[in-house]
Amino acid sequence: MNSMKIRRTAIAVAAAALLPFSLAACSESGSDTKASAPAAAGDEGKTAASTPAGDTMTGDKPFGPACAGVPKDGAGSFDGMAKDPVATAASNNPALSTLVAAVMQAGLVDTLNNAKDITVFAPTNDAFAKIPKADLDKVLADKEQLTKILTYHVVGQKLTPKQLENGSFETLQKGMVTTTGSGGAYKANNTANVVCGNVKTANANVYIVDTVLMPK
């Protein structure tokens, strides 16, 4: 009996000694309880906050530096967004609040949520902030123009990262969006960088971009 107690005590002490090191490793990744490790660093950085997807090129995981800001759990996490249609999923991501407000203003929530197998290039709040406030306010007040811009960010098929390497795709606005890149570094229309790509929602693949795309 004494030997068993000694053994259990030794195991407990060893576990207690290892815990600070494991916690330190988590904190050194630059993440907290609400953010995952940067996905751009490699597969080890993408494991903590990713969801099974459908593209072998990226290991079925989201990629890109902005993925670090996605919560690890809850409705706004990768797993949470995968359960909701795209407009609802976007509403749970704080970095997309301006986009969500624009979608609501244009009355496109149901359109996006009910669409089947689409791709959305989703501009971040910072992307909208690049537009002069007067111009942005003017667009937000013009429902027709706002609808054209927003639907230009939507392609009627699910695009994999491989397809983005050198692609040209018709949008719901009927204009064409072009994509280039490789190895997790992609651009749309040679102006917008994909900062967190291959994000899955219930009905869409999402590529979060740092610039608002403007139709011709």
N, C-alpha and C. Protein backbone atom coordinates (compact mmCIF):
# COMPACT_ATOMS: atom_id res chain seq x y z
N MET A 1 0.82 -1.20 0.00
CA MET A 1 0.00 0.00 0.00
C MET A 1 0.86 1.26 0.00
N ASN A 2 1.92 1.25 0.85
CA ASN A 2 2.78 2.43 0.91
C ASN A 2 3.46 2.71 -0.42
N SER A 3 3.90 1.62 -1.08
CA SER A 3 4.57 1.82 -2.37
C SER A 3 3.63 2.40 -3.40
N MET A 4 2.34 2.00 -3.35
CA MET A 4 1.37 2.54 -4.30
C MET A 4 1.13 4.01 -4.04
N LYS A 5 1.05 4.42 -2.77
CA LYS A 5 0.84 5.82 -2.45
C LYS A 5 2.03 6.66 -2.92
N ILE A 6 3.23 6.12 -2.71
CA ILE A 6 4.43 6.85 -3.14
C ILE A 6 4.43 7.04 -4.65
N ARG A 7 4.04 5.95 -5.34
CA ARG A 7 4.00 6.03 -6.81
C ARG A 7 2.99 7.07 -7.28
N ARG A 8 1.78 7.09 -6.68
CA ARG A 8 0.76 8.06 -7.07
C ARG A 8 1.22 9.48 -6.78
N THR A 9 1.90 9.65 -5.64
CA THR A 9 2.40 10.98 -5.29
C THR A 9 3.43 11.45 -6.29
N ALA A 10 4.29 10.56 -6.73
CA ALA A 10 5.32 10.90 -7.71
C ALA A 10 4.70 11.32 -9.03
N ILE A 11 3.65 10.58 -9.43
CA ILE A 11 2.97 10.93 -10.69
C ILE A 11 2.33 12.30 -10.60
N ALA A 12 1.68 12.57 -9.47
CA ALA A 12 1.02 13.86 -9.27
C ALA A 12 2.03 14.99 -9.29
N VAL A 13 3.18 14.79 -8.65
CA VAL A 13 4.22 15.82 -8.63
C VAL A 13 4.75 16.08 -10.03
N ALA A 14 4.96 14.99 -10.78
CA ALA A 14 5.45 15.14 -12.15
C ALA A 14 4.46 15.90 -13.02
N ALA A 15 3.17 15.59 -12.87
CA ALA A 15 2.15 16.28 -13.65
C ALA A 15 2.10 17.75 -13.29
N ALA A 16 2.21 18.05 -11.99
CA ALA A 16 2.19 19.45 -11.57
C ALA A 16 3.40 20.21 -12.10
N ALA A 17 4.51 19.52 -12.20
CA ALA A 17 5.72 20.16 -12.71
C ALA A 17 5.62 20.46 -14.19
N LEU A 18 4.95 19.59 -14.94
CA LEU A 18 4.84 19.77 -16.39
C LEU A 18 3.81 20.82 -16.77
N LEU A 19 2.78 21.05 -15.94
CA LEU A 19 1.69 21.95 -16.28
C LEU A 19 2.16 23.36 -16.61
N PRO A 20 3.04 23.98 -15.78
CA PRO A 20 3.48 25.34 -16.14
C PRO A 20 4.15 25.42 -17.49
N PHE A 21 4.91 24.36 -17.86
CA PHE A 21 5.57 24.39 -19.16
C PHE A 21 4.58 24.33 -20.30
N SER A 22 3.52 23.52 -20.15
CA SER A 22 2.51 23.44 -21.21
C SER A 22 1.76 24.74 -21.33
N LEU A 23 1.46 25.39 -20.18
CA LEU A 23 0.77 26.67 -20.23
C LEU A 23 1.66 27.74 -20.83
N ALA A 24 2.96 27.69 -20.52
CA ALA A 24 3.88 28.66 -21.08
C ALA A 24 3.97 28.52 -22.59
N ALA A 25 3.94 27.27 -23.07
CA ALA A 25 4.00 27.04 -24.52
C ALA A 25 2.80 27.65 -25.20
N CYS A 26 1.63 27.57 -24.57
CA CYS A 26 0.42 28.15 -25.15
C CYS A 26 0.53 29.67 -25.20
N SER A 27 1.02 30.27 -24.09
CA SER A 27 1.08 31.72 -24.04
C SER A 27 2.12 32.26 -25.00
N GLU A 28 3.21 31.50 -25.26
CA GLU A 28 4.24 31.97 -26.16
C GLU A 28 3.76 32.01 -27.60
N SER A 29 2.67 31.32 -27.92
CA SER A 29 2.16 31.33 -29.28
C SER A 29 1.49 32.65 -29.61
N GLY A 30 1.28 33.52 -28.57
CA GLY A 30 0.66 34.81 -28.82
C GLY A 30 -0.84 34.73 -28.76
N SER A 31 -1.42 33.63 -28.27
CA SER A 31 -2.85 33.50 -28.22
C SER A 31 -3.32 33.49 -26.78
N ASP A 32 -4.61 33.78 -26.60
CA ASP A 32 -5.21 33.67 -25.29
C ASP A 32 -6.38 32.74 -25.39
N THR A 33 -7.28 32.78 -24.44
CA THR A 33 -8.39 31.84 -24.47
C THR A 33 -9.36 32.12 -25.59
N LYS A 34 -9.21 33.25 -26.25
CA LYS A 34 -10.15 33.59 -27.31
C LYS A 34 -9.53 33.54 -28.69
N ALA A 35 -8.23 33.29 -28.81
CA ALA A 35 -7.59 33.35 -30.12
C ALA A 35 -6.70 32.15 -30.33
N SER A 36 -6.63 31.72 -31.57
CA SER A 36 -5.79 30.58 -31.91
C SER A 36 -4.40 31.05 -32.29
N ALA A 37 -3.47 30.12 -32.41
CA ALA A 37 -2.11 30.46 -32.84
C ALA A 37 -2.12 30.85 -34.30
N PRO A 38 -1.18 31.71 -34.75
CA PRO A 38 -1.17 32.15 -36.14
C PRO A 38 -1.11 30.98 -37.10
N ALA A 39 -2.05 30.95 -38.03
CA ALA A 39 -2.12 29.83 -38.96
C ALA A 39 -1.04 29.90 -40.02
N ALA A 40 -0.51 31.11 -40.25
CA ALA A 40 0.48 31.25 -41.32
C ALA A 40 1.80 30.60 -40.98
N ALA A 41 2.04 30.33 -39.72
CA ALA A 41 3.33 29.80 -39.32
C ALA A 41 3.54 28.36 -39.74
N GLY A 42 2.47 27.62 -39.97
CA GLY A 42 2.60 26.22 -40.36
C GLY A 42 1.47 25.40 -39.80
N ASP A 43 1.49 24.11 -40.06
CA ASP A 43 0.41 23.25 -39.64
C ASP A 43 0.24 23.23 -38.14
N GLU A 44 1.37 23.35 -37.39
CA GLU A 44 1.25 23.29 -35.95
C GLU A 44 0.47 24.48 -35.42
N GLY A 45 0.48 25.62 -36.14
CA GLY A 45 -0.24 26.80 -35.71
C GLY A 45 -1.69 26.76 -36.11
N LYS A 46 -2.04 25.82 -37.00
CA LYS A 46 -3.42 25.79 -37.49
C LYS A 46 -4.25 24.72 -36.79
N THR A 47 -3.63 23.90 -35.98
CA THR A 47 -4.32 22.78 -35.40
C THR A 47 -5.33 23.19 -34.34
N ALA A 48 -5.01 24.23 -33.55
CA ALA A 48 -5.82 24.55 -32.39
C ALA A 48 -7.20 25.05 -32.75
N ALA A 49 -7.32 25.78 -33.85
CA ALA A 49 -8.63 26.36 -34.17
C ALA A 49 -8.94 26.16 -35.63
N SER A 50 -9.27 24.95 -35.99
CA SER A 50 -9.62 24.65 -37.36
C SER A 50 -10.71 23.60 -37.40
N THR A 51 -11.32 23.50 -38.57
CA THR A 51 -12.41 22.56 -38.70
C THR A 51 -12.20 21.73 -39.94
N PRO A 52 -12.64 20.49 -39.96
CA PRO A 52 -12.48 19.69 -41.17
C PRO A 52 -13.07 20.39 -42.37
N ALA A 53 -12.35 20.40 -43.46
CA ALA A 53 -12.80 21.10 -44.65
C ALA A 53 -12.65 20.19 -45.84
N GLY A 54 -12.59 20.79 -47.04
CA GLY A 54 -12.57 19.93 -48.20
C GLY A 54 -11.44 20.20 -49.15
N ASP A 55 -10.30 20.67 -48.67
CA ASP A 55 -9.20 20.98 -49.57
C ASP A 55 -7.91 20.40 -49.05
N THR A 56 -7.30 19.50 -49.82
CA THR A 56 -6.11 18.81 -49.35
C THR A 56 -4.89 19.71 -49.34
N MET A 57 -4.90 20.76 -50.14
CA MET A 57 -3.73 21.62 -50.24
C MET A 57 -3.37 22.27 -48.91
N THR A 58 -4.36 22.66 -48.13
CA THR A 58 -4.12 23.33 -46.87
C THR A 58 -4.34 22.40 -45.68
N GLY A 59 -4.35 21.11 -45.95
CA GLY A 59 -4.58 20.19 -44.86
C GLY A 59 -5.96 20.30 -44.27
N ASP A 60 -6.92 20.74 -45.07
CA ASP A 60 -8.31 20.89 -44.64
C ASP A 60 -8.46 21.88 -43.50
N LYS A 61 -7.57 22.85 -43.41
CA LYS A 61 -7.61 23.82 -42.31
C LYS A 61 -7.58 25.24 -42.85
N PRO A 62 -8.17 26.18 -42.10
CA PRO A 62 -8.02 27.59 -42.46
C PRO A 62 -6.55 28.00 -42.39
N PHE A 63 -6.20 29.05 -43.12
CA PHE A 63 -4.82 29.51 -43.16
C PHE A 63 -4.78 31.02 -43.26
N GLY A 64 -3.67 31.60 -42.85
CA GLY A 64 -3.47 33.03 -42.96
C GLY A 64 -3.30 33.71 -41.62
N PRO A 65 -2.60 34.84 -41.57
CA PRO A 65 -2.28 35.51 -40.31
C PRO A 65 -3.49 35.96 -39.50
N ALA A 66 -4.57 36.37 -40.18
CA ALA A 66 -5.74 36.86 -39.44
C ALA A 66 -6.52 35.74 -38.75
N CYS A 67 -6.22 34.50 -39.11
CA CYS A 67 -6.89 33.37 -38.44
C CYS A 67 -6.55 33.34 -36.95
N ALA A 68 -5.45 33.99 -36.56
CA ALA A 68 -5.05 34.01 -35.16
C ALA A 68 -6.08 34.73 -34.30
N GLY A 69 -6.86 35.63 -34.90
CA GLY A 69 -7.84 36.39 -34.14
C GLY A 69 -9.18 35.70 -33.99
N VAL A 70 -9.33 34.51 -34.55
CA VAL A 70 -10.59 33.78 -34.46
C VAL A 70 -10.66 33.04 -33.13
N PRO A 71 -11.76 33.17 -32.39
CA PRO A 71 -11.87 32.47 -31.10
C PRO A 71 -11.69 30.96 -31.25
N LYS A 72 -11.17 30.32 -30.21
CA LYS A 72 -10.97 28.88 -30.24
C LYS A 72 -12.27 28.11 -30.11
N ASP A 73 -13.24 28.68 -29.41
CA ASP A 73 -14.50 27.97 -29.22
C ASP A 73 -15.67 28.95 -29.26
N GLY A 74 -16.87 28.40 -29.24
CA GLY A 74 -18.06 29.23 -29.32
C GLY A 74 -18.53 29.43 -30.75
N ALA A 75 -19.58 30.23 -30.91
CA ALA A 75 -20.20 30.43 -32.22
C ALA A 75 -19.26 31.10 -33.22
N GLY A 76 -18.30 31.89 -32.72
CA GLY A 76 -17.38 32.59 -33.61
C GLY A 76 -16.12 31.82 -33.94
N SER A 77 -15.97 30.62 -33.41
CA SER A 77 -14.81 29.78 -33.71
C SER A 77 -14.98 29.13 -35.07
N PHE A 78 -13.92 28.50 -35.57
CA PHE A 78 -14.03 27.81 -36.84
C PHE A 78 -15.07 26.70 -36.77
N ASP A 79 -15.08 25.95 -35.68
CA ASP A 79 -16.07 24.89 -35.53
C ASP A 79 -17.47 25.47 -35.46
N GLY A 80 -17.63 26.59 -34.73
CA GLY A 80 -18.93 27.22 -34.60
C GLY A 80 -19.44 27.75 -35.92
N MET A 81 -18.57 28.43 -36.69
CA MET A 81 -18.98 28.98 -37.98
C MET A 81 -19.36 27.89 -38.97
N ALA A 82 -18.73 26.74 -38.85
CA ALA A 82 -19.03 25.64 -39.77
C ALA A 82 -20.46 25.13 -39.61
N LYS A 83 -21.08 25.43 -38.49
CA LYS A 83 -22.43 24.95 -38.22
C LYS A 83 -23.51 25.92 -38.70
N ASP A 84 -23.13 27.16 -38.99
CA ASP A 84 -24.11 28.19 -39.36
C ASP A 84 -23.98 28.59 -40.82
N PRO A 85 -25.07 29.05 -41.44
CA PRO A 85 -24.97 29.61 -42.79
C PRO A 85 -24.14 30.89 -42.75
N VAL A 86 -23.65 31.31 -43.90
CA VAL A 86 -22.55 32.27 -43.95
C VAL A 86 -22.85 33.62 -43.30
N ALA A 87 -24.03 34.20 -43.53
CA ALA A 87 -24.31 35.51 -42.93
C ALA A 87 -24.38 35.42 -41.41
N THR A 88 -24.98 34.35 -40.92
CA THR A 88 -25.04 34.14 -39.47
C THR A 88 -23.65 33.90 -38.91
N ALA A 89 -22.86 33.09 -39.60
CA ALA A 89 -21.49 32.81 -39.15
C ALA A 89 -20.67 34.09 -39.09
N ALA A 90 -20.79 34.94 -40.11
CA ALA A 90 -20.04 36.20 -40.14
C ALA A 90 -20.44 37.10 -38.98
N SER A 91 -21.70 37.06 -38.59
CA SER A 91 -22.16 37.93 -37.51
C SER A 91 -21.53 37.56 -36.17
N ASN A 92 -20.97 36.37 -36.07
CA ASN A 92 -20.30 35.94 -34.84
C ASN A 92 -18.81 36.24 -34.84
N ASN A 93 -18.32 36.87 -35.92
CA ASN A 93 -16.91 37.23 -36.02
C ASN A 93 -16.78 38.75 -35.88
N PRO A 94 -16.21 39.24 -34.78
CA PRO A 94 -16.12 40.69 -34.55
C PRO A 94 -15.39 41.44 -35.65
N ALA A 95 -14.46 40.79 -36.34
CA ALA A 95 -13.68 41.45 -37.39
C ALA A 95 -14.50 41.71 -38.64
N LEU A 96 -15.70 41.14 -38.71
CA LEU A 96 -16.55 41.30 -39.89
C LEU A 96 -17.82 42.09 -39.59
N SER A 97 -17.83 42.86 -38.52
CA SER A 97 -19.06 43.54 -38.09
C SER A 97 -19.53 44.59 -39.10
N THR A 98 -18.59 45.28 -39.76
CA THR A 98 -18.99 46.27 -40.77
C THR A 98 -19.63 45.58 -41.97
N LEU A 99 -19.05 44.47 -42.39
CA LEU A 99 -19.63 43.70 -43.49
C LEU A 99 -21.03 43.22 -43.14
N VAL A 100 -21.20 42.71 -41.94
CA VAL A 100 -22.51 42.21 -41.51
C VAL A 100 -23.53 43.35 -41.51
N ALA A 101 -23.12 44.52 -41.03
CA ALA A 101 -24.03 45.67 -41.03
C ALA A 101 -24.43 46.05 -42.45
N ALA A 102 -23.48 45.97 -43.37
CA ALA A 102 -23.76 46.29 -44.78
C ALA A 102 -24.71 45.27 -45.39
N VAL A 103 -24.49 44.00 -45.07
CA VAL A 103 -25.37 42.94 -45.58
C VAL A 103 -26.79 43.13 -45.07
N MET A 104 -26.93 43.50 -43.82
CA MET A 104 -28.25 43.75 -43.25
C MET A 104 -28.88 44.97 -43.91
N GLN A 105 -28.08 46.03 -44.12
CA GLN A 105 -28.58 47.25 -44.74
C GLN A 105 -29.11 46.97 -46.15
N ALA A 106 -28.43 46.05 -46.86
CA ALA A 106 -28.83 45.73 -48.22
C ALA A 106 -29.93 44.68 -48.28
N GLY A 107 -30.29 44.11 -47.14
CA GLY A 107 -31.33 43.10 -47.11
C GLY A 107 -30.91 41.78 -47.72
N LEU A 108 -29.63 41.43 -47.56
CA LEU A 108 -29.09 40.23 -48.21
C LEU A 108 -28.86 39.06 -47.25
N VAL A 109 -29.29 39.19 -46.01
CA VAL A 109 -29.05 38.13 -45.03
C VAL A 109 -29.66 36.81 -45.48
N ASP A 110 -30.93 36.83 -45.82
CA ASP A 110 -31.60 35.59 -46.24
C ASP A 110 -31.03 35.07 -47.56
N THR A 111 -30.68 35.98 -48.46
CA THR A 111 -30.11 35.57 -49.75
C THR A 111 -28.83 34.77 -49.54
N LEU A 112 -27.96 35.27 -48.68
CA LEU A 112 -26.70 34.59 -48.44
C LEU A 112 -26.88 33.32 -47.61
N ASN A 113 -27.74 33.39 -46.63
CA ASN A 113 -27.95 32.22 -45.76
C ASN A 113 -28.62 31.06 -46.50
N ASN A 114 -29.44 31.38 -47.48
CA ASN A 114 -30.18 30.33 -48.20
C ASN A 114 -29.47 29.85 -49.46
N ALA A 115 -28.40 30.52 -49.84
CA ALA A 115 -27.66 30.11 -51.04
C ALA A 115 -26.96 28.77 -50.79
N LYS A 116 -26.74 28.03 -51.87
CA LYS A 116 -26.10 26.73 -51.77
C LYS A 116 -24.69 26.78 -52.38
N ASP A 117 -23.74 26.25 -51.65
CA ASP A 117 -22.38 26.07 -52.19
C ASP A 117 -21.82 27.33 -52.84
N ILE A 118 -21.55 28.33 -52.03
CA ILE A 118 -21.02 29.59 -52.54
C ILE A 118 -19.65 29.87 -51.91
N THR A 119 -18.96 30.84 -52.49
CA THR A 119 -17.73 31.36 -51.91
C THR A 119 -17.92 32.84 -51.64
N VAL A 120 -17.50 33.28 -50.47
CA VAL A 120 -17.62 34.69 -50.10
C VAL A 120 -16.23 35.25 -49.81
N PHE A 121 -15.88 36.33 -50.51
CA PHE A 121 -14.69 37.10 -50.17
C PHE A 121 -15.16 38.17 -49.18
N ALA A 122 -14.79 37.99 -47.92
CA ALA A 122 -15.36 38.80 -46.85
C ALA A 122 -14.38 39.88 -46.39
N PRO A 123 -14.65 41.15 -46.68
CA PRO A 123 -13.75 42.22 -46.24
C PRO A 123 -13.83 42.44 -44.73
N THR A 124 -12.69 42.65 -44.13
CA THR A 124 -12.64 42.94 -42.70
C THR A 124 -13.10 44.37 -42.41
N ASN A 125 -13.26 44.68 -41.13
CA ASN A 125 -13.57 46.06 -40.74
C ASN A 125 -12.48 47.01 -41.23
N ASP A 126 -11.22 46.57 -41.13
CA ASP A 126 -10.11 47.42 -41.59
C ASP A 126 -10.17 47.66 -43.10
N ALA A 127 -10.69 46.69 -43.83
CA ALA A 127 -10.84 46.87 -45.28
C ALA A 127 -11.83 47.99 -45.57
N PHE A 128 -12.95 48.00 -44.86
CA PHE A 128 -13.93 49.07 -45.05
C PHE A 128 -13.37 50.41 -44.57
N ALA A 129 -12.51 50.37 -43.55
CA ALA A 129 -11.93 51.60 -43.02
C ALA A 129 -11.00 52.28 -44.02
N LYS A 130 -10.54 51.54 -45.03
CA LYS A 130 -9.69 52.14 -46.07
C LYS A 130 -10.49 53.09 -46.97
N ILE A 131 -11.80 52.90 -47.01
CA ILE A 131 -12.66 53.74 -47.84
C ILE A 131 -12.94 55.04 -47.08
N PRO A 132 -12.75 56.20 -47.70
CA PRO A 132 -13.06 57.47 -47.02
C PRO A 132 -14.48 57.44 -46.46
N LYS A 133 -14.64 57.93 -45.25
CA LYS A 133 -15.91 57.82 -44.55
C LYS A 133 -17.08 58.39 -45.36
N ALA A 134 -16.85 59.53 -46.01
CA ALA A 134 -17.93 60.14 -46.79
C ALA A 134 -18.37 59.22 -47.92
N ASP A 135 -17.40 58.58 -48.57
CA ASP A 135 -17.73 57.66 -49.66
C ASP A 135 -18.44 56.42 -49.13
N LEU A 136 -17.96 55.90 -48.00
CA LEU A 136 -18.59 54.72 -47.41
C LEU A 136 -20.02 55.00 -46.98
N ASP A 137 -20.22 56.14 -46.36
CA ASP A 137 -21.58 56.52 -45.93
C ASP A 137 -22.51 56.65 -47.12
N LYS A 138 -21.97 57.17 -48.23
CA LYS A 138 -22.77 57.33 -49.44
C LYS A 138 -23.19 55.98 -50.00
N VAL A 139 -22.25 55.03 -50.00
CA VAL A 139 -22.56 53.68 -50.50
C VAL A 139 -23.57 52.99 -49.60
N LEU A 140 -23.39 53.11 -48.30
CA LEU A 140 -24.31 52.46 -47.36
C LEU A 140 -25.72 53.01 -47.48
N ALA A 141 -25.83 54.26 -47.91
CA ALA A 141 -27.15 54.88 -48.06
C ALA A 141 -27.80 54.55 -49.40
N ASP A 142 -27.04 53.98 -50.31
CA ASP A 142 -27.55 53.65 -51.65
C ASP A 142 -27.69 52.12 -51.74
N LYS A 143 -28.88 51.63 -51.48
CA LYS A 143 -29.09 50.19 -51.39
C LYS A 143 -28.74 49.47 -52.69
N GLU A 144 -29.06 50.07 -53.82
CA GLU A 144 -28.77 49.43 -55.11
C GLU A 144 -27.26 49.27 -55.32
N GLN A 145 -26.52 50.35 -55.07
CA GLN A 145 -25.07 50.29 -55.24
C GLN A 145 -24.44 49.36 -54.20
N LEU A 146 -24.94 49.41 -52.98
CA LEU A 146 -24.43 48.54 -51.92
C LEU A 146 -24.64 47.08 -52.28
N THR A 147 -25.80 46.76 -52.83
CA THR A 147 -26.09 45.38 -53.23
C THR A 147 -25.14 44.91 -54.33
N LYS A 148 -24.84 45.79 -55.27
CA LYS A 148 -23.90 45.44 -56.35
C LYS A 148 -22.52 45.13 -55.79
N ILE A 149 -22.07 45.95 -54.85
CA ILE A 149 -20.74 45.74 -54.28
C ILE A 149 -20.69 44.45 -53.47
N LEU A 150 -21.69 44.23 -52.66
CA LEU A 150 -21.69 43.04 -51.80
C LEU A 150 -21.82 41.75 -52.61
N THR A 151 -22.70 41.73 -53.61
CA THR A 151 -22.87 40.52 -54.42
C THR A 151 -21.66 40.27 -55.32
N TYR A 152 -20.84 41.32 -55.53
CA TYR A 152 -19.60 41.14 -56.28
C TYR A 152 -18.59 40.32 -55.48
N HIS A 153 -18.80 40.22 -54.19
CA HIS A 153 -17.91 39.45 -53.32
C HIS A 153 -18.33 37.99 -53.20
N VAL A 154 -19.36 37.59 -53.95
CA VAL A 154 -19.90 36.24 -53.81
C VAL A 154 -19.82 35.50 -55.15
N VAL A 155 -19.24 34.31 -55.11
CA VAL A 155 -19.14 33.44 -56.28
C VAL A 155 -20.07 32.25 -56.07
N GLY A 156 -20.74 31.82 -57.12
CA GLY A 156 -21.76 30.79 -57.00
C GLY A 156 -21.24 29.36 -56.98
N GLN A 157 -20.06 29.15 -56.45
CA GLN A 157 -19.52 27.80 -56.26
C GLN A 157 -18.51 27.85 -55.12
N LYS A 158 -18.27 26.71 -54.49
CA LYS A 158 -17.27 26.65 -53.44
C LYS A 158 -15.89 26.52 -54.06
N LEU A 159 -15.05 27.50 -53.78
CA LEU A 159 -13.70 27.51 -54.35
C LEU A 159 -12.68 27.01 -53.33
N THR A 160 -11.82 26.12 -53.75
CA THR A 160 -10.73 25.65 -52.91
C THR A 160 -9.51 26.56 -53.12
N PRO A 161 -8.56 26.56 -52.19
CA PRO A 161 -7.35 27.35 -52.41
C PRO A 161 -6.65 27.01 -53.72
N LYS A 162 -6.65 25.76 -54.11
CA LYS A 162 -6.03 25.37 -55.36
C LYS A 162 -6.62 26.11 -56.54
N GLN A 163 -7.94 26.31 -56.52
CA GLN A 163 -8.61 27.02 -57.61
C GLN A 163 -8.27 28.50 -57.64
N LEU A 164 -7.80 29.03 -56.52
CA LEU A 164 -7.46 30.46 -56.46
C LEU A 164 -6.11 30.78 -57.08
N GLU A 165 -5.31 29.76 -57.40
CA GLU A 165 -3.95 29.99 -57.87
C GLU A 165 -3.90 30.83 -59.14
N ASN A 166 -4.84 30.62 -60.02
CA ASN A 166 -4.91 31.42 -61.25
C ASN A 166 -6.33 31.29 -61.79
N GLY A 167 -7.26 32.00 -61.15
CA GLY A 167 -8.67 31.80 -61.49
C GLY A 167 -9.40 33.06 -61.89
N SER A 168 -10.50 32.87 -62.56
CA SER A 168 -11.40 33.95 -62.93
C SER A 168 -12.82 33.42 -62.77
N PHE A 169 -13.61 34.09 -61.93
CA PHE A 169 -14.90 33.54 -61.55
C PHE A 169 -16.00 34.59 -61.65
N GLU A 170 -17.15 34.15 -62.15
CA GLU A 170 -18.30 35.05 -62.23
C GLU A 170 -18.93 35.18 -60.84
N THR A 171 -19.27 36.39 -60.48
CA THR A 171 -19.88 36.66 -59.18
C THR A 171 -21.40 36.76 -59.31
N LEU A 172 -22.07 36.83 -58.19
CA LEU A 172 -23.53 37.00 -58.22
C LEU A 172 -23.92 38.34 -58.82
N GLN A 173 -23.01 39.29 -58.81
CA GLN A 173 -23.26 40.60 -59.41
C GLN A 173 -23.10 40.53 -60.94
N LYS A 174 -22.59 39.38 -61.42
CA LYS A 174 -22.35 39.10 -62.85
C LYS A 174 -21.02 39.63 -63.36
N GLY A 175 -20.27 40.33 -62.50
CA GLY A 175 -18.92 40.72 -62.88
C GLY A 175 -17.97 39.58 -62.60
N MET A 176 -16.72 39.74 -63.02
CA MET A 176 -15.71 38.71 -62.83
C MET A 176 -14.71 39.15 -61.77
N VAL A 177 -14.33 38.20 -60.92
CA VAL A 177 -13.27 38.43 -59.96
C VAL A 177 -12.13 37.47 -60.29
N THR A 178 -10.90 37.99 -60.29
CA THR A 178 -9.75 37.16 -60.60
C THR A 178 -8.95 36.88 -59.33
N THR A 179 -8.31 35.74 -59.29
CA THR A 179 -7.52 35.36 -58.13
C THR A 179 -6.16 34.82 -58.58
N THR A 180 -5.15 35.09 -57.77
CA THR A 180 -3.80 34.60 -58.05
C THR A 180 -3.12 34.23 -56.74
N GLY A 181 -2.05 33.45 -56.83
CA GLY A 181 -1.27 33.12 -55.65
C GLY A 181 -0.99 31.65 -55.53
N SER A 182 -0.34 31.29 -54.42
CA SER A 182 -0.03 29.89 -54.14
C SER A 182 0.47 29.77 -52.72
N GLY A 183 0.50 28.55 -52.21
CA GLY A 183 1.09 28.28 -50.91
C GLY A 183 0.50 29.04 -49.74
N GLY A 184 -0.77 29.38 -49.82
CA GLY A 184 -1.41 30.09 -48.72
C GLY A 184 -1.36 31.60 -48.84
N ALA A 185 -0.74 32.14 -49.91
CA ALA A 185 -0.69 33.58 -50.15
C ALA A 185 -1.46 33.88 -51.44
N TYR A 186 -2.64 34.47 -51.29
CA TYR A 186 -3.50 34.69 -52.44
C TYR A 186 -4.01 36.12 -52.48
N LYS A 187 -4.33 36.57 -53.70
CA LYS A 187 -4.90 37.90 -53.90
C LYS A 187 -6.17 37.79 -54.75
N ALA A 188 -7.07 38.70 -54.53
CA ALA A 188 -8.26 38.83 -55.38
C ALA A 188 -8.14 40.16 -56.12
N ASN A 189 -8.30 40.11 -57.43
CA ASN A 189 -8.19 41.30 -58.28
C ASN A 189 -6.86 42.02 -58.11
N ASN A 190 -5.83 41.30 -57.70
CA ASN A 190 -4.48 41.86 -57.52
C ASN A 190 -4.42 42.98 -56.50
N THR A 191 -5.47 43.17 -55.71
CA THR A 191 -5.49 44.26 -54.73
C THR A 191 -5.78 43.77 -53.31
N ALA A 192 -6.60 42.76 -53.19
CA ALA A 192 -7.05 42.29 -51.87
C ALA A 192 -6.31 41.02 -51.47
N ASN A 193 -5.63 41.07 -50.34
CA ASN A 193 -4.93 39.90 -49.82
C ASN A 193 -5.87 39.03 -49.00
N VAL A 194 -5.80 37.73 -49.21
CA VAL A 194 -6.55 36.81 -48.35
C VAL A 194 -5.79 36.69 -47.04
N VAL A 195 -6.39 37.17 -45.96
CA VAL A 195 -5.71 37.17 -44.65
C VAL A 195 -6.14 36.01 -43.76
N CYS A 196 -7.25 35.38 -44.10
CA CYS A 196 -7.67 34.15 -43.42
C CYS A 196 -8.57 33.41 -44.40
N GLY A 197 -8.04 32.33 -44.97
CA GLY A 197 -8.77 31.63 -46.03
C GLY A 197 -9.19 30.23 -45.67
N ASN A 198 -10.03 29.67 -46.53
CA ASN A 198 -10.51 28.30 -46.38
C ASN A 198 -11.33 28.12 -45.10
N VAL A 199 -12.07 29.16 -44.75
CA VAL A 199 -12.96 29.11 -43.58
C VAL A 199 -14.29 28.53 -44.02
N LYS A 200 -14.75 27.50 -43.32
CA LYS A 200 -15.98 26.82 -43.71
C LYS A 200 -17.18 27.32 -42.92
N THR A 201 -18.29 27.53 -43.63
CA THR A 201 -19.58 27.71 -42.98
C THR A 201 -20.50 26.62 -43.52
N ALA A 202 -21.72 26.59 -43.04
CA ALA A 202 -22.63 25.51 -43.44
C ALA A 202 -22.90 25.50 -44.94
N ASN A 203 -22.80 26.66 -45.59
CA ASN A 203 -23.14 26.70 -47.02
C ASN A 203 -22.10 27.42 -47.87
N ALA A 204 -20.95 27.75 -47.29
CA ALA A 204 -19.99 28.55 -48.05
C ALA A 204 -18.55 28.29 -47.62
N ASN A 205 -17.64 28.57 -48.56
CA ASN A 205 -16.23 28.73 -48.24
C ASN A 205 -15.97 30.23 -48.15
N VAL A 206 -15.27 30.65 -47.12
CA VAL A 206 -15.04 32.08 -46.91
C VAL A 206 -13.55 32.38 -46.97
N TYR A 207 -13.22 33.44 -47.71
CA TYR A 207 -11.86 33.96 -47.77
C TYR A 207 -11.91 35.40 -47.28
N ILE A 208 -11.39 35.63 -46.09
CA ILE A 208 -11.42 36.97 -45.49
C ILE A 208 -10.31 37.80 -46.13
N VAL A 209 -10.66 38.99 -46.63
CA VAL A 209 -9.72 39.83 -47.38
C VAL A 209 -9.54 41.19 -46.72
N ASP A 210 -8.42 41.84 -47.04
CA ASP A 210 -8.08 43.11 -46.39
C ASP A 210 -8.46 44.33 -47.19
N THR A 211 -9.16 44.14 -48.31
CA THR A 211 -9.58 45.26 -49.16
C THR A 211 -10.95 44.96 -49.75
N VAL A 212 -11.79 45.97 -49.81
CA VAL A 212 -13.11 45.81 -50.42
C VAL A 212 -12.95 45.74 -51.93
N LEU A 213 -13.58 44.75 -52.54
CA LEU A 213 -13.53 44.58 -54.01
C LEU A 213 -14.60 45.47 -54.64
N MET A 214 -14.23 46.17 -55.69
CA MET A 214 -15.17 47.07 -56.36
C MET A 214 -15.45 46.58 -57.78
N PRO A 215 -16.72 46.36 -58.11
CA PRO A 215 -17.05 45.92 -59.48
C PRO A 215 -16.80 47.06 -60.46
N LYS A 216 -16.54 46.69 -61.71
CA LYS A 216 -16.32 47.70 -62.74
C LYS A 216 -17.64 48.33 -63.14
